[in-house]
Amino acid sequence: MTTRGDGSALVREYQIRLERALRENEISVLLHWKERLDRIIAMKPDGIASLQLELRKISESMDNRTRTLKKEGR
């Protein structure tokens, strides 16, 4: 039979695992969007319009992903 100390240690272990998983996921997300922005930085746009178009594409991608995550969370 587990004691209170064992139970709290188990809860703490799961907390640490969850925090680690969340941190790794956040790093992955940030690296993905950084890569997208780095591609825009590296390109040589013909003018402001093409740069705005690329930024709009990234914004739409982020919006679509946000909507998808919100639907999955229901």
PDB file of N, CA and C in Angstrom:
ATOM      1  N   MET A   1       0.848  -1.184   0.000  1.00  0.00           N
ATOM      2  CA  MET A   1       0.000   0.000   0.000  1.00  0.00           C
ATOM      3  C   MET A   1       0.894   1.247   0.000  1.00  0.00           C
ATOM      4  N   THR A   2       0.501   2.243  -0.779  1.00  0.00           N
ATOM      5  CA  THR A   2       1.312   3.458  -0.852  1.00  0.00           C
ATOM      6  C   THR A   2       0.946   4.406   0.279  1.00  0.00           C
ATOM      7  N   THR A   3       1.914   5.120   0.735  1.00  0.00           N
ATOM      8  CA  THR A   3       1.670   6.121   1.771  1.00  0.00           C
ATOM      9  C   THR A   3       1.499   7.471   1.110  1.00  0.00           C
ATOM     10  N   ARG A   4       1.151   8.435   1.895  1.00  0.00           N
ATOM     11  CA  ARG A   4       0.978   9.786   1.349  1.00  0.00           C
ATOM     12  C   ARG A   4       2.254  10.294   0.691  1.00  0.00           C
ATOM     13  N   GLY A   5       3.373   9.986   1.283  1.00  0.00           N
ATOM     14  CA  GLY A   5       4.656  10.417   0.737  1.00  0.00           C
ATOM     15  C   GLY A   5       4.904   9.823  -0.636  1.00  0.00           C
ATOM     16  N   ASP A   6       4.580   8.559  -0.797  1.00  0.00           N
ATOM     17  CA  ASP A   6       4.750   7.904  -2.098  1.00  0.00           C
ATOM     18  C   ASP A   6       3.816   8.513  -3.136  1.00  0.00           C
ATOM     19  N   GLY A   7       2.589   8.804  -2.714  1.00  0.00           N
ATOM     20  CA  GLY A   7       1.607   9.399  -3.625  1.00  0.00           C
ATOM     21  C   GLY A   7       2.042  10.781  -4.092  1.00  0.00           C
ATOM     22  N   SER A   8       2.547  11.577  -3.168  1.00  0.00           N
ATOM     23  CA  SER A   8       2.973  12.926  -3.548  1.00  0.00           C
ATOM     24  C   SER A   8       4.232  12.873  -4.415  1.00  0.00           C
ATOM     25  N   ALA A   9       5.084  11.872  -4.172  1.00  0.00           N
ATOM     26  CA  ALA A   9       6.277  11.717  -5.005  1.00  0.00           C
ATOM     27  C   ALA A   9       5.872  11.329  -6.425  1.00  0.00           C
ATOM     28  N   LEU A  10       4.858  10.489  -6.538  1.00  0.00           N
ATOM     29  CA  LEU A  10       4.365  10.077  -7.852  1.00  0.00           C
ATOM     30  C   LEU A  10       3.757  11.263  -8.602  1.00  0.00           C
ATOM     31  N   VAL A  11       2.973  12.049  -7.882  1.00  0.00           N
ATOM     32  CA  VAL A  11       2.368  13.244  -8.486  1.00  0.00           C
ATOM     33  C   VAL A  11       3.461  14.198  -8.950  1.00  0.00           C
ATOM     34  N   ARG A  12       4.468  14.387  -8.131  1.00  0.00           N
ATOM     35  CA  ARG A  12       5.574  15.287  -8.483  1.00  0.00           C
ATOM     36  C   ARG A  12       6.316  14.775  -9.715  1.00  0.00           C
ATOM     37  N   GLU A  13       6.511  13.455  -9.785  1.00  0.00           N
ATOM     38  CA  GLU A  13       7.192  12.874 -10.948  1.00  0.00           C
ATOM     39  C   GLU A  13       6.391  13.116 -12.231  1.00  0.00           C
ATOM     40  N   TYR A  14       5.078  12.928 -12.145  1.00  0.00           N
ATOM     41  CA  TYR A  14       4.237  13.189 -13.314  1.00  0.00           C
ATOM     42  C   TYR A  14       4.241  14.667 -13.688  1.00  0.00           C
ATOM     43  N   GLN A  15       4.268  15.543 -12.691  1.00  0.00           N
ATOM     44  CA  GLN A  15       4.353  16.980 -12.948  1.00  0.00           C
ATOM     45  C   GLN A  15       5.631  17.308 -13.711  1.00  0.00           C
ATOM     46  N   ILE A  16       6.728  16.740 -13.277  1.00  0.00           N
ATOM     47  CA  ILE A  16       8.014  16.989 -13.932  1.00  0.00           C
ATOM     48  C   ILE A  16       7.977  16.483 -15.364  1.00  0.00           C
ATOM     49  N   ARG A  17       7.413  15.294 -15.571  1.00  0.00           N
ATOM     50  CA  ARG A  17       7.319  14.743 -16.931  1.00  0.00           C
ATOM     51  C   ARG A  17       6.446  15.618 -17.822  1.00  0.00           C
ATOM     52  N   LEU A  18       5.315  16.079 -17.288  1.00  0.00           N
ATOM     53  CA  LEU A  18       4.414  16.937 -18.055  1.00  0.00           C
ATOM     54  C   LEU A  18       5.095  18.252 -18.413  1.00  0.00           C
ATOM     55  N   GLU A  19       5.763  18.864 -17.447  1.00  0.00           N
ATOM     56  CA  GLU A  19       6.456  20.126 -17.705  1.00  0.00           C
ATOM     57  C   GLU A  19       7.537  19.947 -18.762  1.00  0.00           C
ATOM     58  N   ARG A  20       8.264  18.835 -18.700  1.00  0.00           N
ATOM     59  CA  ARG A  20       9.310  18.554 -19.684  1.00  0.00           C
ATOM     60  C   ARG A  20       8.695  18.382 -21.080  1.00  0.00           C
ATOM     61  N   ALA A  21       7.586  17.645 -21.162  1.00  0.00           N
ATOM     62  CA  ALA A  21       6.919  17.427 -22.449  1.00  0.00           C
ATOM     63  C   ALA A  21       6.395  18.748 -23.016  1.00  0.00           C
ATOM     64  N   LEU A  22       5.817  19.576 -22.162  1.00  0.00           N
ATOM     65  CA  LEU A  22       5.320  20.881 -22.616  1.00  0.00           C
ATOM     66  C   LEU A  22       6.457  21.767 -23.107  1.00  0.00           C
ATOM     67  N   ARG A  23       7.566  21.754 -22.393  1.00  0.00           N
ATOM     68  CA  ARG A  23       8.728  22.553 -22.780  1.00  0.00           C
ATOM     69  C   ARG A  23       9.278  22.079 -24.123  1.00  0.00           C
ATOM     70  N   GLU A  24       9.383  20.760 -24.308  1.00  0.00           N
ATOM     71  CA  GLU A  24       9.883  20.220 -25.568  1.00  0.00           C
ATOM     72  C   GLU A  24       8.951  20.569 -26.720  1.00  0.00           C
ATOM     73  N   ASN A  25       7.637  20.518 -26.464  1.00  0.00           N
ATOM     74  CA  ASN A  25       6.670  20.879 -27.488  1.00  0.00           C
ATOM     75  C   ASN A  25       6.784  22.356 -27.848  1.00  0.00           C
ATOM     76  N   GLU A  26       6.939  23.201 -26.850  1.00  0.00           N
ATOM     77  CA  GLU A  26       7.068  24.641 -27.101  1.00  0.00           C
ATOM     78  C   GLU A  26       8.331  24.932 -27.915  1.00  0.00           C
ATOM     79  N   ILE A  27       9.420  24.259 -27.595  1.00  0.00           N
ATOM     80  CA  ILE A  27      10.662  24.434 -28.351  1.00  0.00           C
ATOM     81  C   ILE A  27      10.452  24.033 -29.799  1.00  0.00           C
ATOM     82  N   SER A  28       9.778  22.922 -30.011  1.00  0.00           N
ATOM     83  CA  SER A  28       9.509  22.440 -31.367  1.00  0.00           C
ATOM     84  C   SER A  28       8.687  23.455 -32.163  1.00  0.00           C
ATOM     85  N   VAL A  29       7.666  24.004 -31.532  1.00  0.00           N
ATOM     86  CA  VAL A  29       6.815  25.002 -32.197  1.00  0.00           C
ATOM     87  C   VAL A  29       7.619  26.249 -32.537  1.00  0.00           C
ATOM     88  N   LEU A  30       8.395  26.725 -31.592  1.00  0.00           N
ATOM     89  CA  LEU A  30       9.198  27.929 -31.834  1.00  0.00           C
ATOM     90  C   LEU A  30      10.219  27.716 -32.949  1.00  0.00           C
ATOM     91  N   LEU A  31      10.836  26.552 -32.982  1.00  0.00           N
ATOM     92  CA  LEU A  31      11.801  26.260 -34.048  1.00  0.00           C
ATOM     93  C   LEU A  31      11.121  26.223 -35.412  1.00  0.00           C
ATOM     94  N   HIS A  32       9.915  25.674 -35.464  1.00  0.00           N
ATOM     95  CA  HIS A  32       9.176  25.632 -36.737  1.00  0.00           C
ATOM     96  C   HIS A  32       8.922  27.039 -37.266  1.00  0.00           C
ATOM     97  N   TRP A  33       8.388  27.914 -36.425  1.00  0.00           N
ATOM     98  CA  TRP A  33       8.062  29.267 -36.887  1.00  0.00           C
ATOM     99  C   TRP A  33       9.320  30.097 -37.131  1.00  0.00           C
ATOM    100  N   LYS A  34      10.372  29.851 -36.365  1.00  0.00           N
ATOM    101  CA  LYS A  34      11.636  30.545 -36.608  1.00  0.00           C
ATOM    102  C   LYS A  34      12.180  30.170 -37.986  1.00  0.00           C
ATOM    103  N   GLU A  35      12.075  28.884 -38.329  1.00  0.00           N
ATOM    104  CA  GLU A  35      12.522  28.436 -39.652  1.00  0.00           C
ATOM    105  C   GLU A  35      11.737  29.132 -40.761  1.00  0.00           C
ATOM    106  N   ARG A  36      10.436  29.270 -40.572  1.00  0.00           N
ATOM    107  CA  ARG A  36       9.612  29.961 -41.572  1.00  0.00           C
ATOM    108  C   ARG A  36      10.033  31.423 -41.709  1.00  0.00           C
ATOM    109  N   LEU A  37      10.289  32.085 -40.582  1.00  0.00           N
ATOM    110  CA  LEU A  37      10.712  33.484 -40.621  1.00  0.00           C
ATOM    111  C   LEU A  37      12.112  33.630 -41.211  1.00  0.00           C
ATOM    112  N   ASP A  38      12.995  32.696 -40.891  1.00  0.00           N
ATOM    113  CA  ASP A  38      14.347  32.748 -41.448  1.00  0.00           C
ATOM    114  C   ASP A  38      14.321  32.645 -42.976  1.00  0.00           C
ATOM    115  N   ARG A  39      13.390  31.841 -43.509  1.00  0.00           N
ATOM    116  CA  ARG A  39      13.261  31.746 -44.964  1.00  0.00           C
ATOM    117  C   ARG A  39      12.854  33.093 -45.561  1.00  0.00           C
ATOM    118  N   ILE A  40      11.989  33.810 -44.880  1.00  0.00           N
ATOM    119  CA  ILE A  40      11.571  35.130 -45.373  1.00  0.00           C
ATOM    120  C   ILE A  40      12.740  36.109 -45.304  1.00  0.00           C
ATOM    121  N   ILE A  41      13.490  36.036 -44.224  1.00  0.00           N
ATOM    122  CA  ILE A  41      14.647  36.925 -44.071  1.00  0.00           C
ATOM    123  C   ILE A  41      15.656  36.668 -45.186  1.00  0.00           C
ATOM    124  N   ALA A  42      15.841  35.404 -45.541  1.00  0.00           N
ATOM    125  CA  ALA A  42      16.843  35.038 -46.548  1.00  0.00           C
ATOM    126  C   ALA A  42      16.417  35.377 -47.976  1.00  0.00           C
ATOM    127  N   MET A  43      15.104  35.476 -48.206  1.00  0.00           N
ATOM    128  CA  MET A  43      14.672  35.733 -49.584  1.00  0.00           C
ATOM    129  C   MET A  43      14.951  37.180 -49.977  1.00  0.00           C
ATOM    130  N   LYS A  44      15.039  37.392 -51.245  1.00  0.00           N
ATOM    131  CA  LYS A  44      15.265  38.735 -51.782  1.00  0.00           C
ATOM    132  C   LYS A  44      13.976  39.196 -52.467  1.00  0.00           C
ATOM    133  N   PRO A  45      13.071  39.802 -51.698  1.00  0.00           N
ATOM    134  CA  PRO A  45      11.777  40.184 -52.285  1.00  0.00           C
ATOM    135  C   PRO A  45      11.934  41.282 -53.333  1.00  0.00           C
ATOM    136  N   ASP A  46      11.063  41.210 -54.337  1.00  0.00           N
ATOM    137  CA  ASP A  46      11.062  42.234 -55.392  1.00  0.00           C
ATOM    138  C   ASP A  46      10.567  43.562 -54.854  1.00  0.00           C
ATOM    139  N   GLY A  47       9.739  43.490 -53.870  1.00  0.00           N
ATOM    140  CA  GLY A  47       9.203  44.705 -53.275  1.00  0.00           C
ATOM    141  C   GLY A  47       8.456  44.376 -52.002  1.00  0.00           C
ATOM    142  N   ILE A  48       7.822  45.379 -51.465  1.00  0.00           N
ATOM    143  CA  ILE A  48       7.101  45.205 -50.205  1.00  0.00           C
ATOM    144  C   ILE A  48       5.906  44.275 -50.383  1.00  0.00           C
ATOM    145  N   ALA A  49       5.315  44.239 -51.550  1.00  0.00           N
ATOM    146  CA  ALA A  49       4.133  43.405 -51.786  1.00  0.00           C
ATOM    147  C   ALA A  49       4.449  41.917 -51.628  1.00  0.00           C
ATOM    148  N   SER A  50       5.564  41.474 -52.175  1.00  0.00           N
ATOM    149  CA  SER A  50       5.902  40.055 -52.054  1.00  0.00           C
ATOM    150  C   SER A  50       6.255  39.703 -50.610  1.00  0.00           C
ATOM    151  N   LEU A  51       6.865  40.623 -49.898  1.00  0.00           N
ATOM    152  CA  LEU A  51       7.173  40.403 -48.494  1.00  0.00           C
ATOM    153  C   LEU A  51       5.876  40.316 -47.683  1.00  0.00           C
ATOM    154  N   GLN A  52       4.936  41.213 -47.963  1.00  0.00           N
ATOM    155  CA  GLN A  52       3.643  41.174 -47.279  1.00  0.00           C
ATOM    156  C   GLN A  52       2.909  39.868 -47.567  1.00  0.00           C
ATOM    157  N   LEU A  53       3.002  39.375 -48.788  1.00  0.00           N
ATOM    158  CA  LEU A  53       2.351  38.126 -49.159  1.00  0.00           C
ATOM    159  C   LEU A  53       2.908  36.965 -48.337  1.00  0.00           C
ATOM    160  N   GLU A  54       4.218  36.901 -48.192  1.00  0.00           N
ATOM    161  CA  GLU A  54       4.839  35.836 -47.406  1.00  0.00           C
ATOM    162  C   GLU A  54       4.443  35.933 -45.933  1.00  0.00           C
ATOM    163  N   LEU A  55       4.417  37.141 -45.413  1.00  0.00           N
ATOM    164  CA  LEU A  55       4.005  37.330 -44.020  1.00  0.00           C
ATOM    165  C   LEU A  55       2.535  36.955 -43.833  1.00  0.00           C
ATOM    166  N   ARG A  56       1.708  37.272 -44.818  1.00  0.00           N
ATOM    167  CA  ARG A  56       0.295  36.910 -44.763  1.00  0.00           C
ATOM    168  C   ARG A  56       0.136  35.389 -44.759  1.00  0.00           C
ATOM    169  N   LYS A  57       0.953  34.682 -45.551  1.00  0.00           N
ATOM    170  CA  LYS A  57       0.899  33.215 -45.581  1.00  0.00           C
ATOM    171  C   LYS A  57       1.229  32.635 -44.213  1.00  0.00           C
ATOM    172  N   ILE A  58       2.249  33.172 -43.568  1.00  0.00           N
ATOM    173  CA  ILE A  58       2.618  32.693 -42.232  1.00  0.00           C
ATOM    174  C   ILE A  58       1.495  32.987 -41.247  1.00  0.00           C
ATOM    175  N   SER A  59       0.924  34.158 -41.316  1.00  0.00           N
ATOM    176  CA  SER A  59      -0.163  34.522 -40.420  1.00  0.00           C
ATOM    177  C   SER A  59      -1.357  33.591 -40.610  1.00  0.00           C
ATOM    178  N   GLU A  60      -1.697  33.281 -41.850  1.00  0.00           N
ATOM    179  CA  GLU A  60      -2.808  32.376 -42.128  1.00  0.00           C
ATOM    180  C   GLU A  60      -2.502  30.967 -41.627  1.00  0.00           C
ATOM    181  N   SER A  61      -1.263  30.524 -41.779  1.00  0.00           N
ATOM    182  CA  SER A  61      -0.878  29.206 -41.276  1.00  0.00           C
ATOM    183  C   SER A  61      -1.033  29.140 -39.764  1.00  0.00           C
ATOM    184  N   MET A  62      -0.606  30.192 -39.089  1.00  0.00           N
ATOM    185  CA  MET A  62      -0.721  30.243 -37.629  1.00  0.00           C
ATOM    186  C   MET A  62      -2.195  30.259 -37.212  1.00  0.00           C
ATOM    187  N   ASP A  63      -3.000  31.009 -37.949  1.00  0.00           N
ATOM    188  CA  ASP A  63      -4.428  31.090 -37.652  1.00  0.00           C
ATOM    189  C   ASP A  63      -5.094  29.734 -37.855  1.00  0.00           C
ATOM    190  N   ASN A  64      -4.769  29.060 -38.952  1.00  0.00           N
ATOM    191  CA  ASN A  64      -5.339  27.736 -39.214  1.00  0.00           C
ATOM    192  C   ASN A  64      -4.948  26.754 -38.123  1.00  0.00           C
ATOM    193  N   ARG A  65      -3.697  26.766 -37.717  1.00  0.00           N
ATOM    194  CA  ARG A  65      -3.229  25.852 -36.681  1.00  0.00           C
ATOM    195  C   ARG A  65      -3.928  26.145 -35.354  1.00  0.00           C
ATOM    196  N   THR A  66      -4.109  27.409 -35.033  1.00  0.00           N
ATOM    197  CA  THR A  66      -4.790  27.785 -33.800  1.00  0.00           C
ATOM    198  C   THR A  66      -6.225  27.273 -33.807  1.00  0.00           C
ATOM    199  N   ARG A  67      -6.924  27.464 -34.937  1.00  0.00           N
ATOM    200  CA  ARG A  67      -8.301  26.982 -35.038  1.00  0.00           C
ATOM    201  C   ARG A  67      -8.367  25.463 -34.895  1.00  0.00           C
ATOM    202  N   THR A  68      -7.436  24.761 -35.516  1.00  0.00           N
ATOM    203  CA  THR A  68      -7.398  23.306 -35.423  1.00  0.00           C
ATOM    204  C   THR A  68      -7.197  22.847 -33.984  1.00  0.00           C
ATOM    205  N   LEU A  69      -6.267  23.480 -33.281  1.00  0.00           N
ATOM    206  CA  LEU A  69      -6.011  23.121 -31.892  1.00  0.00           C
ATOM    207  C   LEU A  69      -7.212  23.405 -30.998  1.00  0.00           C
ATOM    208  N   LYS A  70      -7.902  24.503 -31.268  1.00  0.00           N
ATOM    209  CA  LYS A  70      -9.092  24.830 -30.476  1.00  0.00           C
ATOM    210  C   LYS A  70     -10.187  23.806 -30.695  1.00  0.00           C
ATOM    211  N   LYS A  71     -10.362  23.339 -31.943  1.00  0.00           N
ATOM    212  CA  LYS A  71     -11.369  22.313 -32.237  1.00  0.00           C
ATOM    213  C   LYS A  71     -11.025  21.003 -31.550  1.00  0.00           C
ATOM    214  N   GLU A  72      -9.730  20.632 -31.554  1.00  0.00           N
ATOM    215  CA  GLU A  72      -9.305  19.394 -30.919  1.00  0.00           C
ATOM    216  C   GLU A  72      -9.479  19.446 -29.414  1.00  0.00           C
ATOM    217  N   GLY A  73      -9.401  20.637 -28.848  1.00  0.00           N
ATOM    218  CA  GLY A  73      -9.502  20.798 -27.402  1.00  0.00           C
ATOM    219  C   GLY A  73     -10.903  20.699 -26.861  1.00  0.00           C
ATOM    220  N   ARG A  74     -11.883  20.718 -27.720  1.00  0.00           N
ATOM    221  CA  ARG A  74     -13.290  20.672 -27.259  1.00  0.00           C
ATOM    222  C   ARG A  74     -13.670  19.309 -26.782  1.00  0.00           C
TER     223      ARG A  74
END
